[in-house]
Amino acid sequence: MDKQPKFQAVLFDLDGTLLDTAPDFLTCTNRLLGQRNMPPLTEDSIRKMVTHGSAGIISEAFSLNKNHPDFEPLRQELLSLYMEHLADRTRPFPGIVELLAELADYRIPWGIVTNKPERYTLAILEQLCLNPPPATIICPDHVTHTKPDPQSVLLALQELAIIPEKAVLIGDHRRDIEAGIRAGTVTIAAAYGYLDENDDPGDWGATFTVDDANQLSPLIFQRTSHESQAV
């Protein structure tokens, strides 16, 4: 083989890093808005909200705070709709499918560490049938403390039997990078993901930052000296 893997395991955040889930959130949110004669959101705007989860979407799309009596019923309605449409348009980001195949070629296990609840995470993965499938999936249901706490990252690595120093964590939010740093992994900030208006991935302290998922492979694999000489 003409490359050597730099890591023994690769961990991904889910929304905004591994998968582009925003289009399905947009469909569901706009349906709720339309039912209330409110103007629809653009895909650009939903991408800034997804990182804050269903609560953030309801808060921003409907201009409601969490204490408003309509907040929680709307959030539950959104989640019910989302469960029905969570893989209609959701797809891996460009370059991810190829990267997963490359990891399989080199027998490098990969996993998911997400703050998305298990029922939605597993439902999406069941419909998308990623190949190879993740070797570990850690959701909030499996830990006491979610990211930015390192517990979920450490649990994933424990399941893979890989020490943190031999793993890399990829995420599109400061909490992902902080969790990876606190766990002791190398970290990659996915600047192509769901960034808030005030987010600057360069300030997160990640080992590396990428603007495109296609840039991940050169950071995970290094060319062999044989290939370098050939070039």
Protein backbone atom coordinates (compact mmCIF):
# COMPACT_ATOMS: atom_id res chain seq x y z
CA MET A 1 0.00 0.00 0.00
CA ASP A 2 1.22 3.49 -0.81
CA LYS A 3 0.11 5.10 2.46
CA GLN A 4 0.53 4.57 6.17
CA PRO A 5 -2.21 5.42 8.67
CA LYS A 6 -1.17 7.88 11.35
CA PHE A 7 -3.87 6.68 13.77
CA GLN A 8 -5.32 3.43 15.05
CA ALA A 9 -8.88 4.79 15.29
CA VAL A 10 -10.91 7.68 13.89
CA LEU A 11 -13.86 9.19 15.77
CA PHE A 12 -16.43 11.48 14.15
CA ASP A 13 -19.07 13.79 15.49
CA LEU A 14 -22.31 13.05 13.60
CA ASP A 15 -24.27 16.17 12.54
CA GLY A 16 -22.15 18.59 10.55
CA THR A 17 -19.08 16.35 10.51
CA LEU A 18 -19.92 12.88 9.24
CA LEU A 19 -23.42 13.60 7.91
CA ASP A 20 -25.12 16.62 6.37
CA THR A 21 -28.40 16.40 8.29
CA ALA A 22 -29.47 20.03 7.84
CA PRO A 23 -31.73 19.46 4.77
CA ASP A 24 -34.06 17.20 6.75
CA PHE A 25 -34.16 19.59 9.69
CA LEU A 26 -35.05 22.31 7.19
CA THR A 27 -37.95 20.28 5.77
CA CYS A 28 -39.42 19.61 9.21
CA THR A 29 -38.92 23.11 10.58
CA ASN A 30 -40.44 24.74 7.52
CA ARG A 31 -43.45 22.47 7.74
CA LEU A 32 -44.07 23.65 11.30
CA LEU A 33 -43.56 27.27 10.27
CA GLY A 34 -45.93 26.89 7.32
CA GLN A 35 -48.64 25.45 9.54
CA ARG A 36 -48.46 28.66 11.55
CA ASN A 37 -48.34 30.97 8.52
CA MET A 38 -44.76 31.95 9.27
CA PRO A 39 -42.14 32.47 6.52
CA PRO A 40 -39.83 29.54 5.77
CA LEU A 41 -36.19 29.37 6.70
CA THR A 42 -33.39 29.17 4.14
CA GLU A 43 -30.98 26.24 4.17
CA ASP A 44 -28.23 28.65 5.08
CA SER A 45 -30.03 29.76 8.22
CA ILE A 46 -30.88 26.24 9.40
CA ARG A 47 -27.20 25.27 9.15
CA LYS A 48 -26.42 27.86 11.82
CA MET A 49 -29.14 26.44 14.09
CA VAL A 50 -28.59 22.68 13.82
CA THR A 51 -25.52 22.75 16.03
CA HIS A 52 -27.78 23.81 18.94
CA GLY A 53 -30.13 20.85 18.50
CA SER A 54 -33.92 20.85 18.46
CA ALA A 55 -34.10 23.37 21.30
CA GLY A 56 -31.91 25.82 19.41
CA ILE A 57 -33.96 25.43 16.24
CA ILE A 58 -37.26 26.11 18.03
CA SER A 59 -35.79 29.02 19.95
CA GLU A 60 -34.43 30.75 16.85
CA ALA A 61 -36.99 29.77 14.22
CA PHE A 62 -39.99 30.68 16.38
CA SER A 63 -38.34 33.37 18.54
CA LEU A 64 -39.33 31.56 21.73
CA ASN A 65 -37.40 31.09 24.94
CA LYS A 66 -37.42 27.76 26.74
CA ASN A 67 -39.88 28.98 29.38
CA HIS A 68 -42.59 29.85 26.86
CA PRO A 69 -45.58 27.46 27.15
CA ASP A 70 -45.43 26.74 23.40
CA PHE A 71 -41.74 25.89 23.40
CA GLU A 72 -41.74 22.25 24.50
CA PRO A 73 -44.87 21.20 22.54
CA LEU A 74 -43.29 22.69 19.39
CA ARG A 75 -40.00 20.96 20.09
CA GLN A 76 -41.73 17.61 20.51
CA GLU A 77 -43.68 18.19 17.31
CA LEU A 78 -40.44 18.94 15.49
CA LEU A 79 -38.82 15.77 16.85
CA SER A 80 -41.80 13.64 15.80
CA LEU A 81 -41.63 15.06 12.29
CA TYR A 82 -37.89 14.61 12.20
CA MET A 83 -38.18 10.95 13.15
CA GLU A 84 -40.34 10.44 10.06
CA HIS A 85 -37.99 12.31 7.69
CA LEU A 86 -34.52 11.99 9.20
CA ALA A 87 -32.93 10.28 6.20
CA ASP A 88 -34.88 11.75 3.29
CA ARG A 89 -32.08 14.06 2.18
CA THR A 90 -29.40 13.44 4.81
CA ARG A 91 -26.17 12.24 3.23
CA PRO A 92 -22.49 11.87 4.20
CA PHE A 93 -20.50 14.99 3.38
CA PRO A 94 -18.57 14.75 0.07
CA GLY A 95 -15.43 12.75 0.66
CA ILE A 96 -16.69 10.83 3.70
CA VAL A 97 -17.78 7.67 1.84
CA GLU A 98 -14.36 7.45 0.20
CA LEU A 99 -12.61 8.05 3.52
CA LEU A 100 -14.57 5.26 5.23
CA ALA A 101 -13.63 2.88 2.42
CA GLU A 102 -10.01 3.90 2.81
CA LEU A 103 -10.15 3.24 6.56
CA ALA A 104 -11.58 -0.20 5.80
CA ASP A 105 -8.73 -0.93 3.39
CA TYR A 106 -6.24 -0.26 6.17
CA ARG A 107 -8.38 -1.96 8.84
CA ILE A 108 -8.68 1.24 10.86
CA PRO A 109 -11.85 1.17 12.99
CA TRP A 110 -14.00 4.27 13.07
CA GLY A 111 -16.71 5.40 15.44
CA ILE A 112 -19.26 8.06 16.22
CA VAL A 113 -19.30 10.24 19.33
CA THR A 114 -22.38 12.45 19.26
CA ASN A 115 -24.68 14.47 21.47
CA LYS A 116 -27.60 13.29 19.30
CA PRO A 117 -29.88 10.87 21.18
CA GLU A 118 -29.51 7.20 20.34
CA ARG A 119 -32.97 6.68 18.82
CA TYR A 120 -32.32 9.27 16.08
CA THR A 121 -28.68 8.31 15.57
CA LEU A 122 -29.41 4.62 15.08
CA ALA A 123 -32.44 5.30 12.86
CA ILE A 124 -30.36 7.45 10.51
CA LEU A 125 -27.50 4.96 10.35
CA GLU A 126 -29.90 2.09 9.70
CA GLN A 127 -31.28 3.88 6.66
CA LEU A 128 -27.96 5.14 5.29
CA CYS A 129 -26.13 1.79 5.60
CA LEU A 130 -22.62 3.25 5.76
CA ASN A 131 -19.93 0.82 4.66
CA PRO A 132 -18.12 -0.19 6.74
CA PRO A 133 -20.44 0.51 9.68
CA PRO A 134 -19.07 2.27 12.75
CA ALA A 135 -17.28 0.03 15.24
CA THR A 136 -18.61 2.09 18.13
CA ILE A 137 -21.48 4.57 18.57
CA ILE A 138 -21.59 6.69 21.71
CA CYS A 139 -24.67 8.86 22.33
CA PRO A 140 -25.83 10.87 25.36
CA ASP A 141 -27.80 7.79 26.45
CA HIS A 142 -24.53 5.98 27.18
CA VAL A 143 -22.76 8.53 29.40
CA THR A 144 -23.34 10.68 32.44
CA HIS A 145 -21.64 13.73 30.93
CA THR A 146 -21.83 14.69 27.24
CA LYS A 147 -19.31 16.64 25.17
CA PRO A 148 -17.40 18.84 25.94
CA ASP A 149 -16.79 16.37 28.77
CA PRO A 150 -14.33 13.70 27.52
CA GLN A 151 -16.36 10.78 28.92
CA SER A 152 -18.00 9.83 25.61
CA VAL A 153 -14.69 9.99 23.73
CA LEU A 154 -12.97 7.83 26.34
CA LEU A 155 -15.83 5.33 26.31
CA ALA A 156 -15.61 5.01 22.51
CA LEU A 157 -11.87 4.39 22.69
CA GLN A 158 -12.36 1.89 25.49
CA GLU A 159 -14.77 -0.05 23.28
CA LEU A 160 -12.20 0.03 20.46
CA ALA A 161 -9.35 -0.87 22.83
CA ILE A 162 -7.32 2.09 21.51
CA ILE A 163 -5.39 4.54 23.70
CA PRO A 164 -6.27 8.25 23.16
CA GLU A 165 -2.82 9.15 21.84
CA LYS A 166 -3.35 6.77 18.90
CA ALA A 167 -6.75 8.22 17.92
CA VAL A 168 -8.10 11.30 16.17
CA LEU A 169 -11.42 13.03 16.85
CA ILE A 170 -13.11 15.10 14.12
CA GLY A 171 -15.85 17.61 14.97
CA ASP A 172 -17.51 20.82 13.83
CA HIS A 173 -18.02 22.44 17.23
CA ARG A 174 -15.80 23.72 20.00
CA ARG A 175 -17.32 21.14 22.36
CA ASP A 176 -16.07 18.31 20.11
CA ILE A 177 -12.54 19.63 20.04
CA GLU A 178 -12.53 20.31 23.77
CA ALA A 179 -13.73 16.76 24.46
CA GLY A 180 -10.99 15.34 22.26
CA ILE A 181 -8.29 17.49 23.84
CA ARG A 182 -9.42 16.58 27.35
CA ALA A 183 -9.47 12.91 26.38
CA GLY A 184 -5.95 13.12 24.95
CA THR A 185 -6.63 12.56 21.23
CA VAL A 186 -5.42 14.43 18.19
CA THR A 187 -8.24 16.70 17.00
CA ILE A 188 -9.45 18.00 13.64
CA ALA A 189 -11.89 20.92 13.42
CA ALA A 190 -14.40 20.45 10.59
CA ALA A 191 -14.88 24.03 9.42
CA TYR A 192 -17.17 22.75 6.64
CA GLY A 193 -19.80 21.86 9.25
CA TYR A 194 -22.54 23.70 11.11
CA LEU A 195 -20.90 26.83 12.42
CA ASP A 196 -22.65 29.52 14.40
CA GLU A 197 -22.21 33.08 13.15
CA ASN A 198 -19.63 33.82 15.84
CA ASP A 199 -17.74 30.53 15.50
CA ASP A 200 -14.08 30.61 14.52
CA PRO A 201 -12.66 27.07 14.33
CA GLY A 202 -9.18 28.56 14.41
CA ASP A 203 -9.81 29.51 18.06
CA TRP A 204 -10.82 26.04 19.22
CA GLY A 205 -7.31 24.71 19.79
CA ALA A 206 -7.63 21.81 17.36
CA THR A 207 -4.50 20.10 16.07
CA PHE A 208 -5.70 20.64 12.50
CA THR A 209 -8.54 22.47 10.73
CA VAL A 210 -10.11 21.49 7.39
CA ASP A 211 -12.53 23.37 5.15
CA ASP A 212 -13.64 20.28 3.24
CA ALA A 213 -14.08 16.62 4.21
CA ASN A 214 -11.88 15.70 1.26
CA GLN A 215 -8.99 17.23 3.20
CA LEU A 216 -9.28 14.65 5.99
CA SER A 217 -7.53 11.75 4.27
CA PRO A 218 -4.11 13.46 3.95
CA LEU A 219 -4.23 14.18 7.69
CA ILE A 220 -5.16 10.60 8.60
CA PHE A 221 -2.75 8.90 6.20
CA GLN A 222 0.81 9.74 5.28
CA ARG A 223 2.50 8.85 2.03
CA THR A 224 5.16 6.19 2.21
CA SER A 225 8.73 7.06 1.27
CA HIS A 226 8.34 4.77 -1.76
CA GLU A 227 5.47 6.87 -3.08
CA SER A 228 7.32 10.09 -2.33
CA GLN A 229 10.27 8.94 -4.38
CA ALA A 230 8.00 7.90 -7.23
CA VAL A 231 6.47 11.34 -7.33
